[in-house]
């Protein structure tokens, strides 16, 4: 229930979870990685910074 976590996906493949977070400052991202993700069972993280969208489509469900 972290306020900066906007979406949490369970995935298949090499990565088990995809977490979409939004921070105004890199310091906030670093604090999130160090504090919130420092739990038993998380063995590593991969951070990707999104520069901007090529296309946006509203989610309409399945």
PDB file of N, CA and C in Angstrom:
ATOM      1  N   UNK A   1       0.812  -1.205   0.000  1.00  0.00           N
ATOM      2  CA  UNK A   1       0.000   0.000   0.000  1.00  0.00           C
ATOM      3  C   UNK A   1       0.850   1.262   0.000  1.00  0.00           C
ATOM      4  N   UNK A   2       1.922   1.261  -0.749  1.00  0.00           N
ATOM      5  CA  UNK A   2       2.787   2.437  -0.850  1.00  0.00           C
ATOM      6  C   UNK A   2       2.127   3.452  -1.786  1.00  0.00           C
ATOM      7  N   UNK A   3       2.057   4.718  -1.411  1.00  0.00           N
ATOM      8  CA  UNK A   3       1.336   5.704  -2.224  1.00  0.00           C
ATOM      9  C   UNK A   3       1.956   5.957  -3.595  1.00  0.00           C
ATOM     10  N   UNK A   4       3.227   5.658  -3.786  1.00  0.00           N
ATOM     11  CA  UNK A   4       3.869   5.897  -5.075  1.00  0.00           C
ATOM     12  C   UNK A   4       3.787   4.703  -6.017  1.00  0.00           C
ATOM     13  N   UNK A   5       3.278   3.567  -5.535  1.00  0.00           N
ATOM     14  CA  UNK A   5       3.077   2.398  -6.395  1.00  0.00           C
ATOM     15  C   UNK A   5       1.729   2.559  -7.082  1.00  0.00           C
ATOM     16  N   UNK A   6       1.781   2.698  -8.409  1.00  0.00           N
ATOM     17  CA  UNK A   6       0.553   2.906  -9.174  1.00  0.00           C
ATOM     18  C   UNK A   6       0.000   1.610  -9.741  1.00  0.00           C
ATOM     19  N   UNK A   7       0.888   0.696 -10.120  1.00  0.00           N
ATOM     20  CA  UNK A   7       0.457  -0.584 -10.680  1.00  0.00           C
ATOM     21  C   UNK A   7       1.444  -1.654 -10.225  1.00  0.00           C
ATOM     22  N   UNK A   8       0.923  -2.834  -9.914  1.00  0.00           N
ATOM     23  CA  UNK A   8       1.750  -3.982  -9.550  1.00  0.00           C
ATOM     24  C   UNK A   8       1.266  -5.172 -10.370  1.00  0.00           C
ATOM     25  N   UNK A   9       2.142  -5.706 -11.216  1.00  0.00           N
ATOM     26  CA  UNK A   9       1.803  -6.836 -12.076  1.00  0.00           C
ATOM     27  C   UNK A   9       2.562  -8.077 -11.631  1.00  0.00           C
ATOM     28  N   UNK A  10       1.900  -9.215 -11.662  1.00  0.00           N
ATOM     29  CA  UNK A  10       2.580 -10.509 -11.538  1.00  0.00           C
ATOM     30  C   UNK A  10       2.903 -10.948 -12.960  1.00  0.00           C
ATOM     31  N   UNK A  11       4.133 -11.375 -13.206  1.00  0.00           N
ATOM     32  CA  UNK A  11       4.565 -11.683 -14.564  1.00  0.00           C
ATOM     33  C   UNK A  11       5.141 -13.095 -14.644  1.00  0.00           C
ATOM     34  N   UNK A  12       5.337 -13.558 -15.864  1.00  0.00           N
ATOM     35  CA  UNK A  12       6.020 -14.831 -16.087  1.00  0.00           C
ATOM     36  C   UNK A  12       7.372 -14.534 -16.720  1.00  0.00           C
ATOM     37  N   UNK A  13       8.257 -15.502 -16.691  1.00  0.00           N
ATOM     38  CA  UNK A  13       9.571 -15.302 -17.289  1.00  0.00           C
ATOM     39  C   UNK A  13      10.636 -15.035 -16.239  1.00  0.00           C
ATOM     40  N   UNK A  14      11.640 -14.257 -16.625  1.00  0.00           N
ATOM     41  CA  UNK A  14      12.782 -13.994 -15.744  1.00  0.00           C
ATOM     42  C   UNK A  14      12.428 -13.112 -14.552  1.00  0.00           C
ATOM     43  N   UNK A  15      11.400 -12.315 -14.681  1.00  0.00           N
ATOM     44  CA  UNK A  15      10.993 -11.374 -13.630  1.00  0.00           C
ATOM     45  C   UNK A  15       9.647 -11.820 -13.078  1.00  0.00           C
ATOM     46  N   UNK A  16       9.485 -11.790 -11.757  1.00  0.00           N
ATOM     47  CA  UNK A  16       8.238 -12.231 -11.128  1.00  0.00           C
ATOM     48  C   UNK A  16       7.216 -11.114 -10.970  1.00  0.00           C
ATOM     49  N   UNK A  17       7.698  -9.898 -10.733  1.00  0.00           N
ATOM     50  CA  UNK A  17       6.805  -8.757 -10.525  1.00  0.00           C
ATOM     51  C   UNK A  17       7.280  -7.563 -11.336  1.00  0.00           C
ATOM     52  N   UNK A  18       6.329  -6.767 -11.802  1.00  0.00           N
ATOM     53  CA  UNK A  18       6.626  -5.487 -12.419  1.00  0.00           C
ATOM     54  C   UNK A  18       5.882  -4.436 -11.609  1.00  0.00           C
ATOM     55  N   UNK A  19       6.613  -3.479 -11.087  1.00  0.00           N
ATOM     56  CA  UNK A  19       6.032  -2.447 -10.238  1.00  0.00           C
ATOM     57  C   UNK A  19       6.175  -1.118 -10.954  1.00  0.00           C
ATOM     58  N   UNK A  20       5.055  -0.432 -11.178  1.00  0.00           N
ATOM     59  CA  UNK A  20       5.093   0.898 -11.783  1.00  0.00           C
ATOM     60  C   UNK A  20       4.970   1.926 -10.669  1.00  0.00           C
ATOM     61  N   UNK A  21       6.015   2.722 -10.521  1.00  0.00           N
ATOM     62  CA  UNK A  21       6.047   3.753  -9.482  1.00  0.00           C
ATOM     63  C   UNK A  21       6.339   5.096 -10.135  1.00  0.00           C
ATOM     64  N   UNK A  22       5.911   6.158  -9.482  1.00  0.00           N
ATOM     65  CA  UNK A  22       6.179   7.509  -9.973  1.00  0.00           C
ATOM     66  C   UNK A  22       6.757   8.322  -8.827  1.00  0.00           C
ATOM     67  N   UNK A  23       7.948   8.874  -9.060  1.00  0.00           N
ATOM     68  CA  UNK A  23       8.617   9.718  -8.074  1.00  0.00           C
ATOM     69  C   UNK A  23       9.021  11.024  -8.731  1.00  0.00           C
ATOM     70  N   UNK A  24       9.005  12.094  -7.967  1.00  0.00           N
ATOM     71  CA  UNK A  24       9.453  13.385  -8.481  1.00  0.00           C
ATOM     72  C   UNK A  24      10.967  13.497  -8.468  1.00  0.00           C
ATOM     73  N   UNK A  25      11.626  12.812  -7.532  1.00  0.00           N
ATOM     74  CA  UNK A  25      13.077  12.937  -7.375  1.00  0.00           C
ATOM     75  C   UNK A  25      13.726  11.556  -7.358  1.00  0.00           C
ATOM     76  N   UNK A  26      14.943  11.498  -7.878  1.00  0.00           N
ATOM     77  CA  UNK A  26      15.695  10.245  -7.857  1.00  0.00           C
ATOM     78  C   UNK A  26      15.980   9.798  -6.428  1.00  0.00           C
ATOM     79  N   UNK A  27      16.163  10.744  -5.515  1.00  0.00           N
ATOM     80  CA  UNK A  27      16.384  10.389  -4.108  1.00  0.00           C
ATOM     81  C   UNK A  27      15.209   9.601  -3.555  1.00  0.00           C
ATOM     82  N   UNK A  28      13.993   9.959  -3.976  1.00  0.00           N
ATOM     83  CA  UNK A  28      12.804   9.234  -3.522  1.00  0.00           C
ATOM     84  C   UNK A  28      12.790   7.816  -4.080  1.00  0.00           C
ATOM     85  N   UNK A  29      13.192   7.667  -5.333  1.00  0.00           N
ATOM     86  CA  UNK A  29      13.292   6.327  -5.930  1.00  0.00           C
ATOM     87  C   UNK A  29      14.327   5.495  -5.185  1.00  0.00           C
ATOM     88  N   UNK A  30      15.481   6.075  -4.925  1.00  0.00           N
ATOM     89  CA  UNK A  30      16.531   5.350  -4.205  1.00  0.00           C
ATOM     90  C   UNK A  30      16.077   4.939  -2.811  1.00  0.00           C
ATOM     91  N   UNK A  31      15.371   5.817  -2.113  1.00  0.00           N
ATOM     92  CA  UNK A  31      14.858   5.483  -0.779  1.00  0.00           C
ATOM     93  C   UNK A  31      13.855   4.340  -0.867  1.00  0.00           C
ATOM     94  N   UNK A  32      13.000   4.353  -1.885  1.00  0.00           N
ATOM     95  CA  UNK A  32      12.026   3.277  -2.093  1.00  0.00           C
ATOM     96  C   UNK A  32      12.745   1.947  -2.309  1.00  0.00           C
ATOM     97  N   UNK A  33      13.765   1.958  -3.155  1.00  0.00           N
ATOM     98  CA  UNK A  33      14.509   0.729  -3.437  1.00  0.00           C
ATOM     99  C   UNK A  33      15.206   0.203  -2.194  1.00  0.00           C
ATOM    100  N   UNK A  34      15.789   1.090  -1.411  1.00  0.00           N
ATOM    101  CA  UNK A  34      16.548   0.676  -0.232  1.00  0.00           C
ATOM    102  C   UNK A  34      15.662   0.251   0.934  1.00  0.00           C
ATOM    103  N   UNK A  35      14.523   0.908   1.114  1.00  0.00           N
ATOM    104  CA  UNK A  35      13.681   0.637   2.286  1.00  0.00           C
ATOM    105  C   UNK A  35      12.536  -0.325   1.983  1.00  0.00           C
ATOM    106  N   UNK A  36      11.767  -0.016   0.967  1.00  0.00           N
ATOM    107  CA  UNK A  36      10.547  -0.785   0.700  1.00  0.00           C
ATOM    108  C   UNK A  36      10.829  -2.137   0.057  1.00  0.00           C
ATOM    109  N   UNK A  37      11.903  -2.239  -0.710  1.00  0.00           N
ATOM    110  CA  UNK A  37      12.195  -3.501  -1.392  1.00  0.00           C
ATOM    111  C   UNK A  37      13.238  -4.332  -0.674  1.00  0.00           C
ATOM    112  N   UNK A  38      13.657  -3.898   0.488  1.00  0.00           N
ATOM    113  CA  UNK A  38      14.626  -4.655   1.286  1.00  0.00           C
ATOM    114  C   UNK A  38      13.881  -5.653   2.162  1.00  0.00           C
ATOM    115  N   UNK A  39      13.272  -6.646   1.518  1.00  0.00           N
ATOM    116  CA  UNK A  39      12.513  -7.665   2.240  1.00  0.00           C
ATOM    117  C   UNK A  39      13.020  -9.046   1.831  1.00  0.00           C
ATOM    118  N   UNK A  40      12.808 -10.002   2.698  1.00  0.00           N
ATOM    119  CA  UNK A  40      13.221 -11.375   2.415  1.00  0.00           C
ATOM    120  C   UNK A  40      12.500 -11.881   1.174  1.00  0.00           C
ATOM    121  N   UNK A  41      13.236 -12.514   0.300  1.00  0.00           N
ATOM    122  CA  UNK A  41      12.652 -13.077  -0.909  1.00  0.00           C
ATOM    123  C   UNK A  41      12.940 -12.258  -2.156  1.00  0.00           C
ATOM    124  N   UNK A  42      13.213 -10.974  -2.001  1.00  0.00           N
ATOM    125  CA  UNK A  42      13.592 -10.151  -3.150  1.00  0.00           C
ATOM    126  C   UNK A  42      15.101 -10.233  -3.282  1.00  0.00           C
ATOM    127  N   UNK A  43      15.548 -10.859  -4.370  1.00  0.00           N
ATOM    128  CA  UNK A  43      16.980 -11.085  -4.535  1.00  0.00           C
ATOM    129  C   UNK A  43      17.628 -10.071  -5.474  1.00  0.00           C
ATOM    130  N   UNK A  44      16.837  -9.271  -6.151  1.00  0.00           N
ATOM    131  CA  UNK A  44      17.406  -8.262  -7.037  1.00  0.00           C
ATOM    132  C   UNK A  44      16.327  -7.407  -7.659  1.00  0.00           C
ATOM    133  N   UNK A  45      16.748  -6.280  -8.190  1.00  0.00           N
ATOM    134  CA  UNK A  45      15.826  -5.378  -8.874  1.00  0.00           C
ATOM    135  C   UNK A  45      16.459  -4.900 -10.169  1.00  0.00           C
ATOM    136  N   UNK A  46      15.611  -4.568 -11.117  1.00  0.00           N
ATOM    137  CA  UNK A  46      16.025  -3.934 -12.363  1.00  0.00           C
ATOM    138  C   UNK A  46      15.206  -2.662 -12.480  1.00  0.00           C
ATOM    139  N   UNK A  47      15.877  -1.536 -12.639  1.00  0.00           N
ATOM    140  CA  UNK A  47      15.187  -0.249 -12.729  1.00  0.00           C
ATOM    141  C   UNK A  47      15.269   0.243 -14.165  1.00  0.00           C
ATOM    142  N   UNK A  48      14.127   0.612 -14.721  1.00  0.00           N
ATOM    143  CA  UNK A  48      14.053   1.211 -16.048  1.00  0.00           C
ATOM    144  C   UNK A  48      13.348   2.551 -15.911  1.00  0.00           C
ATOM    145  N   UNK A  49      13.983   3.602 -16.379  1.00  0.00           N
ATOM    146  CA  UNK A  49      13.395   4.933 -16.344  1.00  0.00           C
ATOM    147  C   UNK A  49      12.672   5.153 -17.671  1.00  0.00           C
ATOM    148  N   UNK A  50      11.400   5.479 -17.620  1.00  0.00           N
ATOM    149  CA  UNK A  50      10.617   5.737 -18.828  1.00  0.00           C
ATOM    150  C   UNK A  50      10.822   7.192 -19.226  1.00  0.00           C
ATOM    151  N   UNK A  51      11.274   7.404 -20.458  1.00  0.00           N
ATOM    152  CA  UNK A  51      11.513   8.749 -20.970  1.00  0.00           C
ATOM    153  C   UNK A  51      10.208   9.379 -21.444  1.00  0.00           C
ATOM    154  N   UNK A  52       9.393   8.606 -22.134  1.00  0.00           N
ATOM    155  CA  UNK A  52       8.113   9.115 -22.612  1.00  0.00           C
ATOM    156  C   UNK A  52       7.445   8.082 -23.494  1.00  0.00           C
ATOM    157  N   UNK A  53       6.149   8.239 -23.721  1.00  0.00           N
ATOM    158  CA  UNK A  53       5.403   7.259 -24.517  1.00  0.00           C
ATOM    159  C   UNK A  53       5.518   7.521 -26.021  1.00  0.00           C
ATOM    160  N   UNK A  54       5.431   6.453 -26.796  1.00  0.00           N
ATOM    161  CA  UNK A  54       5.247   6.570 -28.233  1.00  0.00           C
ATOM    162  C   UNK A  54       3.764   6.624 -28.560  1.00  0.00           C
ATOM    163  N   UNK A  55       2.988   5.878 -27.779  1.00  0.00           N
ATOM    164  CA  UNK A  55       1.548   5.804 -28.011  1.00  0.00           C
ATOM    165  C   UNK A  55       0.879   5.515 -26.688  1.00  0.00           C
ATOM    166  N   UNK A  56      -0.259   6.121 -26.461  1.00  0.00           N
ATOM    167  CA  UNK A  56      -1.050   5.843 -25.262  1.00  0.00           C
ATOM    168  C   UNK A  56      -2.448   5.420 -25.683  1.00  0.00           C
ATOM    169  N   UNK A  57      -2.909   4.359 -25.080  1.00  0.00           N
ATOM    170  CA  UNK A  57      -4.260   3.875 -25.325  1.00  0.00           C
ATOM    171  C   UNK A  57      -4.932   3.685 -23.975  1.00  0.00           C
ATOM    172  N   UNK A  58      -6.123   4.201 -23.803  1.00  0.00           N
ATOM    173  CA  UNK A  58      -6.812   3.966 -22.528  1.00  0.00           C
ATOM    174  C   UNK A  58      -7.178   2.497 -22.388  1.00  0.00           C
ATOM    175  N   UNK A  59      -7.067   1.978 -21.176  1.00  0.00           N
ATOM    176  CA  UNK A  59      -7.424   0.593 -20.901  1.00  0.00           C
ATOM    177  C   UNK A  59      -8.935   0.464 -20.936  1.00  0.00           C
ATOM    178  N   UNK A  60      -9.435  -0.453 -21.743  1.00  0.00           N
ATOM    179  CA  UNK A  60     -10.877  -0.658 -21.855  1.00  0.00           C
ATOM    180  C   UNK A  60     -11.311  -2.000 -21.293  1.00  0.00           C
ATOM    181  N   UNK A  61     -10.376  -2.749 -20.728  1.00  0.00           N
ATOM    182  CA  UNK A  61     -10.718  -4.058 -20.192  1.00  0.00           C
ATOM    183  C   UNK A  61     -10.648  -5.119 -21.265  1.00  0.00           C
ATOM    184  N   UNK A  62     -11.000  -6.321 -20.865  1.00  0.00           N
ATOM    185  CA  UNK A  62     -10.951  -7.435 -21.817  1.00  0.00           C
ATOM    186  C   UNK A  62     -12.310  -7.729 -22.363  1.00  0.00           C
TER     187      UNK A  62
END
